[in-house]
Amino acid sequence: MPDVNPATPALDAIRFTQDGLVPAIAQQHDTGEVLMMAWMNRESITETLQTGTVCYWSRSRGKLWRKGESSGQVQTLVDFRWDCDGDTILLLVDQKGVACHTGRRDCFFFAYRDGNIEVISQPEVSPDDLYGK
């Protein structure tokens, strides 16, 4: 039976690492804000394209990570892109709430300025509130 996975053309265009992963950058579709970087594999890409809800691969847990599954901070896919080398994915998303597990809007809150490391944004919500601890 032929492959009926509608994600096949995209999967064939992407260059995965030896571990079967590809880095994915999530960017807020309407503001251009870079939210986070995570890893995807063939299964998470297929699920993302089929459902419209972003799913990553958790290297630490060794399983699919459906963004917002436990926190409610869901990413809805707006556009799925990859770079000229096919080795990095750009996900344009509509982020519900915060993207970072620290309770911040994005994961890029450290900056190196004038020889010092600075924290440039504060949590918008407590991680305990996000994850019910």
N, C-alpha and C. Protein backbone atom coordinates (compact mmCIF):
# COMPACT_ATOMS: atom_id res chain seq x y z
N MET A 1 0.84 -1.18 0.00
CA MET A 1 0.00 0.00 0.00
C MET A 1 0.89 1.24 0.00
N PRO A 2 0.60 2.24 -0.83
CA PRO A 2 1.43 3.44 -0.89
C PRO A 2 1.33 4.26 0.39
N ASP A 3 2.37 5.05 0.65
CA ASP A 3 2.42 5.92 1.81
C ASP A 3 1.35 7.00 1.65
N VAL A 4 0.44 7.10 2.61
CA VAL A 4 -0.63 8.10 2.53
C VAL A 4 -0.44 9.21 3.56
N ASN A 5 0.74 9.28 4.14
CA ASN A 5 1.04 10.32 5.11
C ASN A 5 1.17 11.65 4.38
N PRO A 6 0.26 12.60 4.64
CA PRO A 6 0.34 13.89 3.95
C PRO A 6 1.60 14.69 4.29
N ALA A 7 2.30 14.31 5.35
CA ALA A 7 3.52 15.01 5.75
C ALA A 7 4.75 14.53 5.00
N THR A 8 4.62 13.47 4.20
CA THR A 8 5.77 12.87 3.53
C THR A 8 6.61 13.85 2.72
N PRO A 9 6.03 14.74 1.90
CA PRO A 9 6.90 15.67 1.16
C PRO A 9 7.77 16.54 2.07
N ALA A 10 7.22 17.01 3.16
CA ALA A 10 8.01 17.81 4.11
C ALA A 10 9.06 16.95 4.78
N LEU A 11 8.69 15.77 5.21
CA LEU A 11 9.64 14.87 5.88
C LEU A 11 10.80 14.52 4.95
N ASP A 12 10.51 14.33 3.68
CA ASP A 12 11.55 13.99 2.71
C ASP A 12 12.50 15.15 2.45
N ALA A 13 12.04 16.37 2.67
CA ALA A 13 12.86 17.56 2.41
C ALA A 13 13.75 17.93 3.60
N ILE A 14 13.46 17.38 4.77
CA ILE A 14 14.18 17.74 5.99
C ILE A 14 15.35 16.79 6.21
N ARG A 15 16.49 17.39 6.61
CA ARG A 15 17.69 16.60 6.93
C ARG A 15 17.75 16.41 8.44
N PHE A 16 17.53 15.20 8.89
CA PHE A 16 17.55 14.87 10.30
C PHE A 16 18.97 14.52 10.74
N THR A 17 19.25 14.70 12.04
CA THR A 17 20.54 14.28 12.60
C THR A 17 20.60 12.76 12.61
N GLN A 18 21.77 12.24 12.99
CA GLN A 18 21.92 10.79 13.12
C GLN A 18 20.95 10.21 14.15
N ASP A 19 20.52 11.03 15.10
CA ASP A 19 19.56 10.61 16.12
C ASP A 19 18.11 10.72 15.63
N GLY A 20 17.94 11.17 14.38
CA GLY A 20 16.60 11.31 13.83
C GLY A 20 15.87 12.57 14.27
N LEU A 21 16.65 13.57 14.67
CA LEU A 21 16.07 14.82 15.16
C LEU A 21 16.42 15.99 14.26
N VAL A 22 15.66 17.07 14.41
CA VAL A 22 15.94 18.31 13.71
C VAL A 22 15.56 19.46 14.67
N PRO A 23 16.41 20.50 14.77
CA PRO A 23 16.04 21.62 15.63
C PRO A 23 14.88 22.40 15.04
N ALA A 24 14.01 22.88 15.93
CA ALA A 24 12.84 23.65 15.51
C ALA A 24 12.76 24.92 16.34
N ILE A 25 12.64 26.03 15.65
CA ILE A 25 12.48 27.34 16.29
C ILE A 25 11.00 27.71 16.22
N ALA A 26 10.42 28.07 17.36
CA ALA A 26 9.04 28.55 17.39
C ALA A 26 9.06 30.07 17.45
N GLN A 27 8.31 30.68 16.54
CA GLN A 27 8.25 32.13 16.43
C GLN A 27 6.78 32.56 16.41
N GLN A 28 6.45 33.58 17.18
CA GLN A 28 5.09 34.10 17.19
C GLN A 28 4.78 34.67 15.81
N HIS A 29 3.73 34.18 15.19
CA HIS A 29 3.44 34.49 13.79
C HIS A 29 3.17 35.95 13.50
N ASP A 30 2.57 36.68 14.42
CA ASP A 30 2.16 38.05 14.12
C ASP A 30 3.13 39.12 14.62
N THR A 31 4.04 38.77 15.52
CA THR A 31 4.98 39.76 16.04
C THR A 31 6.42 39.48 15.65
N GLY A 32 6.71 38.24 15.24
CA GLY A 32 8.08 37.86 14.90
C GLY A 32 8.91 37.49 16.12
N GLU A 33 8.33 37.52 17.30
CA GLU A 33 9.06 37.18 18.53
C GLU A 33 9.50 35.72 18.49
N VAL A 34 10.81 35.50 18.74
CA VAL A 34 11.33 34.14 18.82
C VAL A 34 11.01 33.63 20.22
N LEU A 35 10.28 32.52 20.27
CA LEU A 35 9.78 32.02 21.54
C LEU A 35 10.66 30.95 22.17
N MET A 36 11.09 29.98 21.38
CA MET A 36 11.82 28.85 21.94
C MET A 36 12.45 28.02 20.84
N MET A 37 13.33 27.12 21.26
CA MET A 37 13.92 26.12 20.38
C MET A 37 13.69 24.77 21.03
N ALA A 38 13.30 23.80 20.24
CA ALA A 38 13.12 22.43 20.73
C ALA A 38 13.47 21.49 19.58
N TRP A 39 13.34 20.21 19.82
CA TRP A 39 13.67 19.20 18.82
C TRP A 39 12.41 18.53 18.31
N MET A 40 12.45 18.15 17.05
CA MET A 40 11.35 17.40 16.45
C MET A 40 11.92 16.16 15.77
N ASN A 41 11.09 15.14 15.65
CA ASN A 41 11.44 13.96 14.86
C ASN A 41 10.32 13.73 13.84
N ARG A 42 10.41 12.69 13.07
CA ARG A 42 9.41 12.44 12.03
C ARG A 42 8.00 12.33 12.62
N GLU A 43 7.89 11.65 13.74
CA GLU A 43 6.58 11.45 14.35
C GLU A 43 5.98 12.76 14.85
N SER A 44 6.80 13.59 15.49
CA SER A 44 6.28 14.86 16.02
C SER A 44 5.92 15.82 14.89
N ILE A 45 6.69 15.80 13.81
CA ILE A 45 6.37 16.64 12.65
C ILE A 45 5.05 16.18 12.03
N THR A 46 4.90 14.88 11.86
CA THR A 46 3.67 14.35 11.29
C THR A 46 2.47 14.74 12.14
N GLU A 47 2.58 14.56 13.44
CA GLU A 47 1.47 14.93 14.33
C GLU A 47 1.17 16.42 14.25
N THR A 48 2.21 17.24 14.25
CA THR A 48 2.02 18.69 14.17
C THR A 48 1.28 19.07 12.90
N LEU A 49 1.71 18.53 11.77
CA LEU A 49 1.08 18.86 10.49
C LEU A 49 -0.34 18.31 10.40
N GLN A 50 -0.60 17.19 11.01
CA GLN A 50 -1.94 16.59 10.95
C GLN A 50 -2.93 17.27 11.89
N THR A 51 -2.46 17.70 13.07
CA THR A 51 -3.38 18.26 14.07
C THR A 51 -3.41 19.78 14.10
N GLY A 52 -2.32 20.42 13.67
CA GLY A 52 -2.23 21.87 13.78
C GLY A 52 -1.83 22.35 15.16
N THR A 53 -1.57 21.41 16.07
CA THR A 53 -1.07 21.73 17.40
C THR A 53 0.37 21.23 17.48
N VAL A 54 1.28 22.09 17.91
CA VAL A 54 2.70 21.75 17.85
C VAL A 54 3.06 20.67 18.86
N CYS A 55 3.82 19.71 18.35
CA CYS A 55 4.31 18.58 19.13
C CYS A 55 5.81 18.47 18.89
N TYR A 56 6.58 18.34 19.94
CA TYR A 56 8.02 18.21 19.85
C TYR A 56 8.44 16.82 20.32
N TRP A 57 9.75 16.57 20.23
CA TRP A 57 10.34 15.36 20.81
C TRP A 57 11.15 15.77 22.02
N SER A 58 10.84 15.23 23.18
CA SER A 58 11.58 15.52 24.40
C SER A 58 12.76 14.56 24.50
N ARG A 59 13.96 15.09 24.38
CA ARG A 59 15.15 14.25 24.51
C ARG A 59 15.32 13.75 25.94
N SER A 60 14.98 14.59 26.92
CA SER A 60 15.17 14.18 28.32
C SER A 60 14.17 13.10 28.73
N ARG A 61 12.96 13.16 28.20
CA ARG A 61 11.94 12.16 28.55
C ARG A 61 11.88 11.00 27.56
N GLY A 62 12.47 11.21 26.38
CA GLY A 62 12.46 10.17 25.36
C GLY A 62 11.08 9.86 24.81
N LYS A 63 10.27 10.91 24.68
CA LYS A 63 8.91 10.71 24.16
C LYS A 63 8.39 12.01 23.55
N LEU A 64 7.25 11.89 22.87
CA LEU A 64 6.62 13.07 22.29
C LEU A 64 6.23 14.03 23.40
N TRP A 65 6.37 15.33 23.09
CA TRP A 65 6.04 16.40 24.02
C TRP A 65 5.05 17.32 23.32
N ARG A 66 3.81 17.19 23.68
CA ARG A 66 2.77 18.02 23.09
C ARG A 66 2.75 19.34 23.86
N LYS A 67 3.21 20.39 23.22
CA LYS A 67 3.37 21.69 23.87
C LYS A 67 2.05 22.11 24.50
N GLY A 68 2.10 22.38 25.79
CA GLY A 68 0.92 22.82 26.52
C GLY A 68 0.10 21.69 27.12
N GLU A 69 0.55 20.47 26.93
CA GLU A 69 -0.20 19.30 27.42
C GLU A 69 -0.46 19.38 28.92
N SER A 70 0.54 19.79 29.69
CA SER A 70 0.35 19.87 31.14
C SER A 70 0.16 21.30 31.64
N SER A 71 0.61 22.29 30.86
CA SER A 71 0.53 23.68 31.32
C SER A 71 -0.64 24.45 30.71
N GLY A 72 -1.18 23.96 29.61
CA GLY A 72 -2.24 24.69 28.91
C GLY A 72 -1.71 25.76 27.97
N GLN A 73 -0.39 25.90 27.88
CA GLN A 73 0.24 26.95 27.07
C GLN A 73 0.50 26.40 25.65
N VAL A 74 -0.54 26.21 24.91
CA VAL A 74 -0.52 25.52 23.62
C VAL A 74 0.03 26.41 22.51
N GLN A 75 0.71 25.78 21.57
CA GLN A 75 1.15 26.46 20.34
C GLN A 75 0.34 25.90 19.17
N THR A 76 -0.40 26.78 18.52
CA THR A 76 -1.15 26.40 17.33
C THR A 76 -0.32 26.75 16.10
N LEU A 77 -0.14 25.80 15.23
CA LEU A 77 0.67 26.01 14.03
C LEU A 77 -0.02 26.93 13.04
N VAL A 78 0.70 27.95 12.58
CA VAL A 78 0.21 28.85 11.54
C VAL A 78 0.90 28.55 10.22
N ASP A 79 2.22 28.30 10.27
CA ASP A 79 2.97 27.98 9.06
C ASP A 79 4.16 27.12 9.45
N PHE A 80 4.50 26.16 8.58
CA PHE A 80 5.60 25.23 8.81
C PHE A 80 6.63 25.47 7.73
N ARG A 81 7.85 25.87 8.12
CA ARG A 81 8.90 26.21 7.17
C ARG A 81 10.20 25.50 7.55
N TRP A 82 11.12 25.43 6.59
CA TRP A 82 12.46 24.94 6.90
C TRP A 82 13.45 25.77 6.12
N ASP A 83 14.71 25.74 6.56
CA ASP A 83 15.74 26.59 5.98
C ASP A 83 16.29 26.01 4.68
N CYS A 84 17.19 26.77 4.05
CA CYS A 84 17.75 26.41 2.75
C CYS A 84 18.53 25.11 2.76
N ASP A 85 19.08 24.73 3.91
CA ASP A 85 19.82 23.48 4.02
C ASP A 85 18.94 22.31 4.43
N GLY A 86 17.71 22.61 4.82
CA GLY A 86 16.79 21.57 5.26
C GLY A 86 17.10 21.00 6.62
N ASP A 87 17.95 21.71 7.40
CA ASP A 87 18.35 21.14 8.68
C ASP A 87 17.86 21.92 9.90
N THR A 88 16.97 22.86 9.68
CA THR A 88 16.35 23.59 10.78
C THR A 88 14.92 23.94 10.38
N ILE A 89 14.00 23.76 11.31
CA ILE A 89 12.59 24.06 11.07
C ILE A 89 12.25 25.39 11.74
N LEU A 90 11.39 26.16 11.08
CA LEU A 90 10.82 27.37 11.66
C LEU A 90 9.31 27.16 11.74
N LEU A 91 8.80 27.19 12.96
CA LEU A 91 7.37 27.04 13.19
C LEU A 91 6.80 28.41 13.50
N LEU A 92 5.94 28.92 12.64
CA LEU A 92 5.21 30.14 12.97
C LEU A 92 3.97 29.69 13.72
N VAL A 93 3.83 30.18 14.94
CA VAL A 93 2.79 29.67 15.83
C VAL A 93 1.97 30.81 16.42
N ASP A 94 0.83 30.43 16.94
CA ASP A 94 0.05 31.32 17.79
C ASP A 94 0.20 30.73 19.19
N GLN A 95 0.98 31.41 20.01
CA GLN A 95 1.29 30.93 21.36
C GLN A 95 0.21 31.37 22.33
N LYS A 96 -0.40 30.42 23.01
CA LYS A 96 -1.34 30.73 24.08
C LYS A 96 -0.55 30.86 25.37
N GLY A 97 -0.55 32.03 25.97
CA GLY A 97 0.17 32.24 27.22
C GLY A 97 1.67 32.30 27.02
N VAL A 98 2.41 31.74 27.95
CA VAL A 98 3.87 31.79 27.93
C VAL A 98 4.43 30.56 27.22
N ALA A 99 5.63 30.70 26.65
CA ALA A 99 6.26 29.59 25.94
C ALA A 99 7.27 28.85 26.81
N CYS A 100 7.83 29.51 27.79
CA CYS A 100 8.92 28.92 28.57
C CYS A 100 8.42 28.28 29.86
N HIS A 101 9.02 27.15 30.21
CA HIS A 101 8.64 26.45 31.43
C HIS A 101 8.97 27.25 32.69
N THR A 102 9.76 28.34 32.55
CA THR A 102 10.06 29.20 33.69
C THR A 102 8.97 30.22 33.94
N GLY A 103 7.94 30.23 33.08
CA GLY A 103 6.84 31.19 33.21
C GLY A 103 7.06 32.48 32.43
N ARG A 104 8.10 32.52 31.63
CA ARG A 104 8.37 33.70 30.82
C ARG A 104 7.74 33.54 29.43
N ARG A 105 7.52 34.65 28.78
CA ARG A 105 6.92 34.63 27.44
C ARG A 105 7.77 33.82 26.47
N ASP A 106 9.10 33.99 26.54
CA ASP A 106 9.99 33.22 25.66
C ASP A 106 11.15 32.66 26.47
N CYS A 107 11.90 31.79 25.85
CA CYS A 107 13.01 31.11 26.53
C CYS A 107 14.34 31.86 26.44
N PHE A 108 14.37 32.96 25.73
CA PHE A 108 15.62 33.69 25.50
C PHE A 108 15.67 34.93 26.38
N PHE A 109 15.82 34.69 27.69
CA PHE A 109 15.79 35.79 28.65
C PHE A 109 17.14 36.11 29.27
N PHE A 110 18.20 35.43 28.81
CA PHE A 110 19.56 35.77 29.23
C PHE A 110 20.21 36.59 28.12
N ALA A 111 20.94 37.63 28.51
CA ALA A 111 21.67 38.44 27.54
C ALA A 111 23.06 38.73 28.10
N TYR A 112 24.02 38.79 27.20
CA TYR A 112 25.39 39.15 27.58
C TYR A 112 25.61 40.58 27.13
N ARG A 113 25.69 41.48 28.09
CA ARG A 113 25.79 42.91 27.80
C ARG A 113 26.89 43.54 28.64
N ASP A 114 27.75 44.25 27.95
CA ASP A 114 28.84 44.97 28.63
C ASP A 114 29.62 44.07 29.59
N GLY A 115 29.88 42.83 29.16
CA GLY A 115 30.68 41.90 29.95
C GLY A 115 29.93 41.21 31.07
N ASN A 116 28.62 41.41 31.12
CA ASN A 116 27.82 40.81 32.19
C ASN A 116 26.66 40.00 31.63
N ILE A 117 26.30 38.96 32.35
CA ILE A 117 25.10 38.21 32.00
C ILE A 117 23.93 38.86 32.73
N GLU A 118 22.89 39.20 31.96
CA GLU A 118 21.70 39.84 32.53
C GLU A 118 20.47 38.99 32.25
N VAL A 119 19.55 39.00 33.19
CA VAL A 119 18.22 38.43 32.98
C VAL A 119 17.35 39.58 32.49
N ILE A 120 16.82 39.47 31.28
CA ILE A 120 16.15 40.62 30.66
C ILE A 120 14.62 40.52 30.67
N SER A 121 14.08 39.45 31.23
CA SER A 121 12.62 39.39 31.41
C SER A 121 12.31 38.55 32.63
N GLN A 122 11.22 38.89 33.25
CA GLN A 122 10.79 38.21 34.47
C GLN A 122 9.62 37.27 34.15
N PRO A 123 9.41 36.27 34.99
CA PRO A 123 8.27 35.37 34.77
C PRO A 123 6.94 36.14 34.80
N GLU A 124 6.06 35.75 33.90
CA GLU A 124 4.71 36.32 33.86
C GLU A 124 3.76 35.50 34.71
N VAL A 125 4.14 34.25 34.94
CA VAL A 125 3.32 33.34 35.74
C VAL A 125 4.27 32.39 36.47
N SER A 126 3.88 31.96 37.64
CA SER A 126 4.70 31.04 38.42
C SER A 126 4.71 29.66 37.76
N PRO A 127 5.89 29.05 37.65
CA PRO A 127 5.93 27.68 37.14
C PRO A 127 5.06 26.71 37.95
N ASP A 128 4.95 26.96 39.25
CA ASP A 128 4.08 26.12 40.09
C ASP A 128 2.62 26.23 39.64
N ASP A 129 2.22 27.44 39.25
CA ASP A 129 0.85 27.63 38.76
C ASP A 129 0.66 26.98 37.39
N LEU A 130 1.71 27.01 36.57
CA LEU A 130 1.64 26.41 35.24
C LEU A 130 1.46 24.89 35.30
N TYR A 131 2.18 24.29 36.22
CA TYR A 131 2.24 22.83 36.25
C TYR A 131 1.54 22.22 37.45
N GLY A 132 0.78 23.05 38.19
CA GLY A 132 -0.02 22.54 39.29
C GLY A 132 0.76 21.92 40.42
N LYS A 133 1.88 22.52 40.76
CA LYS A 133 2.70 21.96 41.85
C LYS A 133 2.38 22.65 43.15
